[in-house]
C-alpha atoms as a PDB file:
ATOM      1  CA  MET A   1      36.252 103.392  56.253  1.00  0.00           C
ATOM      2  CA  ILE A   2      37.417 106.070  53.580  1.00  0.00           C
ATOM      3  CA  ILE A   3      34.142 108.340  51.754  1.00  0.00           C
ATOM      4  CA  ARG A   4      34.586 107.916  48.256  1.00  0.00           C
ATOM      5  CA  ASN A   5      31.613 109.284  46.676  1.00  0.00           C
ATOM      6  CA  ALA A   6      27.823 109.606  48.121  1.00  0.00           C
ATOM      7  CA  ASP A   7      24.714 111.545  46.292  1.00  0.00           C
ATOM      8  CA  PHE A   8      21.128 111.622  46.693  1.00  0.00           C
ATOM      9  CA  LEU A   9      19.340 108.953  45.830  1.00  0.00           C
ATOM     10  CA  VAL A  10      15.473 109.289  46.072  1.00  0.00           C
ATOM     11  CA  SER A  11      12.976 110.494  49.008  1.00  0.00           C
ATOM     12  CA  ASN A  12       9.476 107.842  49.822  1.00  0.00           C
ATOM     13  CA  PRO A  13       6.355 107.849  51.379  1.00  0.00           C
ATOM     14  CA  ASP A  14       5.892 104.273  50.635  1.00  0.00           C
ATOM     15  CA  PRO A  15       8.851 101.948  52.035  1.00  0.00           C
ATOM     16  CA  SER A  16       7.281  99.696  49.641  1.00  0.00           C
ATOM     17  CA  LYS A  17       8.560 101.751  46.734  1.00  0.00           C
ATOM     18  CA  CYS A  18      12.537 102.755  48.079  1.00  0.00           C
ATOM     19  CA  PRO A  19      15.005 101.360  46.036  1.00  0.00           C
ATOM     20  CA  ALA A  20      15.145  97.743  45.565  1.00  0.00           C
ATOM     21  CA  PRO A  21      17.084  95.679  48.753  1.00  0.00           C
ATOM     22  CA  ASP A  22      20.592  94.653  46.888  1.00  0.00           C
ATOM     23  CA  LYS A  23      22.623  96.449  49.811  1.00  0.00           C
ATOM     24  CA  PRO A  24      23.390  96.547  53.150  1.00  0.00           C
ATOM     25  CA  GLU A  25      21.499 100.036  54.806  1.00  0.00           C
ATOM     26  CA  TYR A  26      21.216 101.450  57.620  1.00  0.00           C
ATOM     27  CA  ALA A  27      19.715 103.730  58.698  1.00  0.00           C
ATOM     28  CA  PHE A  28      19.115 107.184  61.069  1.00  0.00           C
ATOM     29  CA  ILE A  29      16.258 108.492  63.456  1.00  0.00           C
ATOM     30  CA  GLY A  30      16.419 110.202  66.156  1.00  0.00           C
ATOM     31  CA  ARG A  31      13.419 113.287  68.022  1.00  0.00           C
ATOM     32  CA  SER A  32      12.815 115.856  65.896  1.00  0.00           C
ATOM     33  CA  ASN A  33      15.650 118.867  66.468  1.00  0.00           C
ATOM     34  CA  VAL A  34      18.257 116.106  67.281  1.00  0.00           C
ATOM     35  CA  GLY A  35      21.112 117.207  64.459  1.00  0.00           C
ATOM     36  CA  LYS A  36      20.646 114.621  62.626  1.00  0.00           C
ATOM     37  CA  SER A  37      21.301 115.770  59.142  1.00  0.00           C
ATOM     38  CA  SER A  38      23.797 117.661  60.755  1.00  0.00           C
ATOM     39  CA  LEU A  39      25.474 114.000  61.895  1.00  0.00           C
ATOM     40  CA  ILE A  40      24.578 112.609  58.330  1.00  0.00           C
ATOM     41  CA  ASN A  41      26.598 115.579  56.873  1.00  0.00           C
ATOM     42  CA  MET A  42      29.601 114.959  59.194  1.00  0.00           C
ATOM     43  CA  LEU A  43      30.415 111.907  58.388  1.00  0.00           C
ATOM     44  CA  LEU A  44      29.754 111.771  54.712  1.00  0.00           C
ATOM     45  CA  GLY A  45      32.116 114.179  54.222  1.00  0.00           C
ATOM     46  CA  ARG A  46      29.543 116.673  52.093  1.00  0.00           C
ATOM     47  CA  ARG A  47      27.941 120.415  53.816  1.00  0.00           C
ATOM     48  CA  ASN A  48      24.813 119.816  52.418  1.00  0.00           C
ATOM     49  CA  LEU A  49      23.632 116.848  51.379  1.00  0.00           C
ATOM     50  CA  ALA A  50      21.285 116.373  54.228  1.00  0.00           C
ATOM     51  CA  LYS A  51      19.539 119.763  54.278  1.00  0.00           C
ATOM     52  CA  THR A  52      19.041 120.900  57.886  1.00  0.00           C
ATOM     53  CA  SER A  53      16.979 123.222  59.121  1.00  0.00           C
ATOM     54  CA  SER A  54      16.281 125.139  62.534  1.00  0.00           C
ATOM     55  CA  THR A  55      12.165 123.906  62.573  1.00  0.00           C
ATOM     56  CA  PRO A  56      11.245 120.717  63.650  1.00  0.00           C
ATOM     57  CA  GLY A  57      10.331 118.080  61.790  1.00  0.00           C
ATOM     58  CA  LYS A  58      11.806 119.340  58.075  1.00  0.00           C
ATOM     59  CA  THR A  59      11.661 115.038  56.739  1.00  0.00           C
ATOM     60  CA  ARG A  60       8.984 113.682  56.070  1.00  0.00           C
ATOM     61  CA  LEU A  61       9.970 110.543  54.008  1.00  0.00           C
ATOM     62  CA  ILE A  62      12.260 107.839  53.632  1.00  0.00           C
ATOM     63  CA  ASN A  63      15.457 109.511  51.955  1.00  0.00           C
ATOM     64  CA  HIS A  64      17.515 107.513  50.467  1.00  0.00           C
ATOM     65  CA  PHE A  65      21.364 108.360  49.634  1.00  0.00           C
ATOM     66  CA  ILE A  66      24.476 105.634  47.959  1.00  0.00           C
ATOM     67  CA  VAL A  67      27.035 105.886  49.296  1.00  0.00           C
ATOM     68  CA  ASN A  68      30.547 104.000  48.275  1.00  0.00           C
ATOM     69  CA  ASN A  69      27.965 102.346  45.461  1.00  0.00           C
ATOM     70  CA  ASP A  70      28.043  99.978  47.717  1.00  0.00           C
ATOM     71  CA  TRP A  71      25.961 101.233  50.671  1.00  0.00           C
ATOM     72  CA  TYR A  72      22.606 103.129  51.292  1.00  0.00           C
ATOM     73  CA  LEU A  73      22.505 105.185  53.936  1.00  0.00           C
ATOM     74  CA  VAL A  74      18.711 105.802  54.995  1.00  0.00           C
ATOM     75  CA  ASP A  75      16.819 109.843  56.624  1.00  0.00           C
ATOM     76  CA  LEU A  76      14.234 108.861  58.392  1.00  0.00           C
ATOM     77  CA  PRO A  77      11.095 111.268  59.218  1.00  0.00           C
ATOM     78  CA  GLY A  78      12.273 112.494  63.696  1.00  0.00           C
ATOM     79  CA  TYR A  79       9.596 110.916  65.852  1.00  0.00           C
ATOM     80  CA  GLY A  80       8.113 113.855  68.688  1.00  0.00           C
ATOM     81  CA  TYR A  81       7.704 117.303  68.553  1.00  0.00           C
ATOM     82  CA  ALA A  82       6.632 117.846  65.049  1.00  0.00           C
ATOM     83  CA  LYS A  83       3.834 121.168  64.261  1.00  0.00           C
ATOM     84  CA  ILE A  84       1.511 118.324  62.250  1.00  0.00           C
ATOM     85  CA  SER A  85      -1.794 117.028  62.272  1.00  0.00           C
ATOM     86  CA  LYS A  86      -1.947 114.002  65.063  1.00  0.00           C
ATOM     87  CA  LYS A  87      -3.458 112.044  61.739  1.00  0.00           C
ATOM     88  CA  GLU A  88      -0.779 113.153  59.584  1.00  0.00           C
ATOM     89  CA  ARG A  89       1.915 112.203  63.014  1.00  0.00           C
ATOM     90  CA  GLU A  90       0.443 108.992  63.293  1.00  0.00           C
ATOM     91  CA  LYS A  91       0.877 108.004  59.156  1.00  0.00           C
ATOM     92  CA  TRP A  92       4.512 109.430  59.777  1.00  0.00           C
ATOM     93  CA  GLU A  93       5.070 106.485  62.050  1.00  0.00           C
ATOM     94  CA  GLY A  94       3.195 103.759  60.317  1.00  0.00           C
ATOM     95  CA  MET A  95       5.183 104.553  57.444  1.00  0.00           C
ATOM     96  CA  ILE A  96       8.704 104.525  60.328  1.00  0.00           C
ATOM     97  CA  ARG A  97       7.735 100.577  61.177  1.00  0.00           C
ATOM     98  CA  THR A  98       6.513  99.255  58.404  1.00  0.00           C
ATOM     99  CA  TYR A  99       9.775 100.323  57.075  1.00  0.00           C
ATOM    100  CA  LEU A 100      11.752  99.045  60.015  1.00  0.00           C
ATOM    101  CA  THR A 101      10.205  95.660  59.925  1.00  0.00           C
ATOM    102  CA  ARG A 102       9.920  94.814  57.036  1.00  0.00           C
ATOM    103  CA  ARG A 103      13.254  96.072  54.679  1.00  0.00           C
ATOM    104  CA  GLU A 104      15.127  92.918  54.395  1.00  0.00           C
ATOM    105  CA  SER A 105      18.109  95.129  53.931  1.00  0.00           C
ATOM    106  CA  LEU A 106      18.121  97.301  56.311  1.00  0.00           C
ATOM    107  CA  VAL A 107      21.238  96.212  58.757  1.00  0.00           C
ATOM    108  CA  ASN A 108      21.094  98.155  61.506  1.00  0.00           C
ATOM    109  CA  THR A 109      19.497 101.889  62.314  1.00  0.00           C
ATOM    110  CA  PHE A 110      21.103 104.706  64.542  1.00  0.00           C
ATOM    111  CA  ILE A 111      19.012 105.665  66.669  1.00  0.00           C
ATOM    112  CA  LEU A 112      19.910 109.885  67.725  1.00  0.00           C
ATOM    113  CA  ILE A 113      20.190 110.904  71.317  1.00  0.00           C
ATOM    114  CA  ASP A 114      20.768 114.368  72.319  1.00  0.00           C
ATOM    115  CA  SER A 115      23.837 114.731  74.554  1.00  0.00           C
ATOM    116  CA  ARG A 116      22.545 118.261  76.244  1.00  0.00           C
ATOM    117  CA  ILE A 117      19.567 116.821  78.045  1.00  0.00           C
ATOM    118  CA  GLU A 118      18.077 114.460  80.420  1.00  0.00           C
ATOM    119  CA  PRO A 119      16.368 110.914  79.259  1.00  0.00           C
ATOM    120  CA  LYS A 120      13.021 111.236  78.041  1.00  0.00           C
ATOM    121  CA  LYS A 121      10.423 109.298  77.784  1.00  0.00           C
ATOM    122  CA  SER A 122      10.141 109.592  73.794  1.00  0.00           C
ATOM    123  CA  ASP A 123      13.486 107.996  73.273  1.00  0.00           C
ATOM    124  CA  ILE A 124      13.324 104.997  76.054  1.00  0.00           C
ATOM    125  CA  ASP A 125       9.932 104.209  74.686  1.00  0.00           C
ATOM    126  CA  PHE A 126      11.268 104.473  71.085  1.00  0.00           C
ATOM    127  CA  ILE A 127      13.940 102.039  72.691  1.00  0.00           C
ATOM    128  CA  ASP A 128      12.141  99.483  73.947  1.00  0.00           C
ATOM    129  CA  TRP A 129       9.977  99.221  71.194  1.00  0.00           C
ATOM    130  CA  PHE A 130      13.088  97.572  69.302  1.00  0.00           C
ATOM    131  CA  GLY A 131      14.745  95.116  71.794  1.00  0.00           C
ATOM    132  CA  GLU A 132      10.803  94.593  71.615  1.00  0.00           C
ATOM    133  CA  ALA A 133      10.741  93.651  67.364  1.00  0.00           C
ATOM    134  CA  GLN A 134      14.079  92.344  68.249  1.00  0.00           C
ATOM    135  CA  LEU A 135      15.281  94.766  65.975  1.00  0.00           C
ATOM    136  CA  PRO A 136      19.422  95.804  64.830  1.00  0.00           C
ATOM    137  CA  PHE A 137      20.671  98.830  66.358  1.00  0.00           C
ATOM    138  CA  ALA A 138      23.030 101.011  68.266  1.00  0.00           C
ATOM    139  CA  LEU A 139      22.658 104.795  69.556  1.00  0.00           C
ATOM    140  CA  ILE A 140      23.858 107.722  68.632  1.00  0.00           C
ATOM    141  CA  PHE A 141      24.492 110.280  71.503  1.00  0.00           C
ATOM    142  CA  THR A 142      25.033 113.420  68.860  1.00  0.00           C
ATOM    143  CA  LYS A 143      26.033 117.485  69.935  1.00  0.00           C
ATOM    144  CA  THR A 144      28.738 116.533  72.549  1.00  0.00           C
ATOM    145  CA  ASP A 145      30.879 119.510  71.858  1.00  0.00           C
ATOM    146  CA  LYS A 146      27.765 121.719  73.428  1.00  0.00           C
ATOM    147  CA  LEU A 147      28.513 121.242  76.711  1.00  0.00           C
ATOM    148  CA  THR A 148      31.108 120.373  79.389  1.00  0.00           C
ATOM    149  CA  SER A 149      32.555 116.893  79.772  1.00  0.00           C
ATOM    150  CA  ASN A 150      31.486 116.044  82.966  1.00  0.00           C
ATOM    151  CA  ALA A 151      27.203 117.831  82.363  1.00  0.00           C
ATOM    152  CA  MET A 152      27.669 115.267  78.755  1.00  0.00           C
ATOM    153  CA  ALA A 153      29.512 112.057  81.148  1.00  0.00           C
ATOM    154  CA  SER A 154      26.488 112.780  84.033  1.00  0.00           C
ATOM    155  CA  ASN A 155      23.742 113.254  80.710  1.00  0.00           C
ATOM    156  CA  ILE A 156      24.932 109.613  79.327  1.00  0.00           C
ATOM    157  CA  ALA A 157      25.164 108.410  82.784  1.00  0.00           C
ATOM    158  CA  ALA A 158      21.445 109.372  83.689  1.00  0.00           C
ATOM    159  CA  PHE A 159      20.554 107.770  79.912  1.00  0.00           C
ATOM    160  CA  LYS A 160      22.591 104.307  80.255  1.00  0.00           C
ATOM    161  CA  ALA A 161      20.857 103.949  83.899  1.00  0.00           C
ATOM    162  CA  LYS A 162      17.066 104.785  83.034  1.00  0.00           C
ATOM    163  CA  LEU A 163      17.888 102.714  80.281  1.00  0.00           C
ATOM    164  CA  SER A 164      19.203  99.483  82.325  1.00  0.00           C
ATOM    165  CA  GLU A 165      15.994  99.480  84.679  1.00  0.00           C
ATOM    166  CA  THR A 166      14.453  97.732  81.156  1.00  0.00           C
ATOM    167  CA  TRP A 167      17.824  96.195  79.787  1.00  0.00           C
ATOM    168  CA  ASP A 168      19.927  93.292  80.382  1.00  0.00           C
ATOM    169  CA  GLU A 169      22.183  94.815  78.683  1.00  0.00           C
ATOM    170  CA  LEU A 170      23.545  98.294  76.802  1.00  0.00           C
ATOM    171  CA  PRO A 171      23.155  98.301  72.788  1.00  0.00           C
ATOM    172  CA  THR A 172      26.475  99.923  71.460  1.00  0.00           C
ATOM    173  CA  MET A 173      26.375 103.190  71.973  1.00  0.00           C
ATOM    174  CA  PHE A 174      28.669 106.463  70.170  1.00  0.00           C
ATOM    175  CA  LEU A 175      29.097 109.857  71.094  1.00  0.00           C
ATOM    176  CA  SER A 176      29.263 112.358  68.152  1.00  0.00           C
ATOM    177  CA  SER A 177      29.757 115.887  67.592  1.00  0.00           C
ATOM    178  CA  ALA A 178      29.160 117.517  64.343  1.00  0.00           C
ATOM    179  CA  GLU A 179      30.844 120.784  64.641  1.00  0.00           C
ATOM    180  CA  ASN A 180      34.506 118.428  65.068  1.00  0.00           C
ATOM    181  CA  GLY A 181      34.309 115.233  63.222  1.00  0.00           C
ATOM    182  CA  LEU A 182      34.231 112.838  66.528  1.00  0.00           C
ATOM    183  CA  GLY A 183      33.284 109.578  66.212  1.00  0.00           C
ATOM    184  CA  ARG A 184      32.886 110.155  62.811  1.00  0.00           C
ATOM    185  CA  ASP A 185      36.288 106.939  62.228  1.00  0.00           C
ATOM    186  CA  SER A 186      34.190 104.630  64.892  1.00  0.00           C
ATOM    187  CA  ILE A 187      30.187 105.223  63.338  1.00  0.00           C
ATOM    188  CA  LEU A 188      32.214 104.356  59.881  1.00  0.00           C
ATOM    189  CA  ASP A 189      33.947 101.299  60.619  1.00  0.00           C
ATOM    190  CA  PHE A 190      31.553  99.646  62.388  1.00  0.00           C
ATOM    191  CA  ILE A 191      28.977 100.491  59.400  1.00  0.00           C
ATOM    192  CA  GLU A 192      31.758  99.122  57.478  1.00  0.00           C
ATOM    193  CA  GLU A 193      32.484  96.509  59.699  1.00  0.00           C
ATOM    194  CA  ASN A 194      28.536  95.572  59.101  1.00  0.00           C
ATOM    195  CA  ASN A 195      29.087  95.404  55.552  1.00  0.00           C
ATOM    196  CA  THR A 196      31.830  92.805  55.779  1.00  0.00           C
ATOM    197  CA  ALA A 197      29.546  90.574  57.331  1.00  0.00           C
ATOM    198  CA  TYR A 198      26.111  91.336  55.414  1.00  0.00           C
ATOM    199  CA  GLN A 199      28.484  89.989  52.383  1.00  0.00           C
ATOM    200  CA  GLU A 200      29.850  86.966  53.408  1.00  0.00           C
ATOM    201  CA  ILE A 201      26.148  86.177  54.738  1.00  0.00           C
ATOM    202  CA  LEU A 202      25.361  87.014  51.021  1.00  0.00           C
ATOM    203  CA  GLU A 203      28.501  84.545  49.534  1.00  0.00           C
ATOM    204  CA  GLN A 204      27.294  81.886  52.605  1.00  0.00           C
ATOM    205  CA  GLY A 205      23.810  82.038  50.766  1.00  0.00           C
ATOM    206  CA  ASN A 206      25.154  81.342  47.073  1.00  0.00           C
END
């Protein structure tokens, strides 16, 4: 897929106020400080389209970007560590889960995993929730440039082993690096394939 244009559209605290669900939509989410904004900027070929920060928990709204005028990329608040109150965290979680379960145009959610660290319970629990809710998703391992190939392979193998304890079939997985562009083509190709399938389903329904 060639990215011809990509623009920020709108931020919302309420899933019901998101743009009309008239285009295929892809959400990106991960634990705080997983490198989500950097990955989004890399995918879209824009340096500062998604705002990056050294402060975990900066993204607090549902952020829609319009890409090539025909699909939405959605930047969701992270889960896990953030310097916020329990009440506000529960509000975030409710907003995110409402969006994920009720957004009819949501084709796939990319769950970002930091390739540098061992499997975290928060990641596994979140992935298991997707399975229980029967929501489509894929995993993206981020920051692969920050460790050796052997260390990365070991960490990812450990993650797969942990998932295999509860999953009969592992989800689609991508390796990525916002620094060197690893994974960009394969992730965008995956989105393009799903866009084509989405359009075919719409045409069959008309």
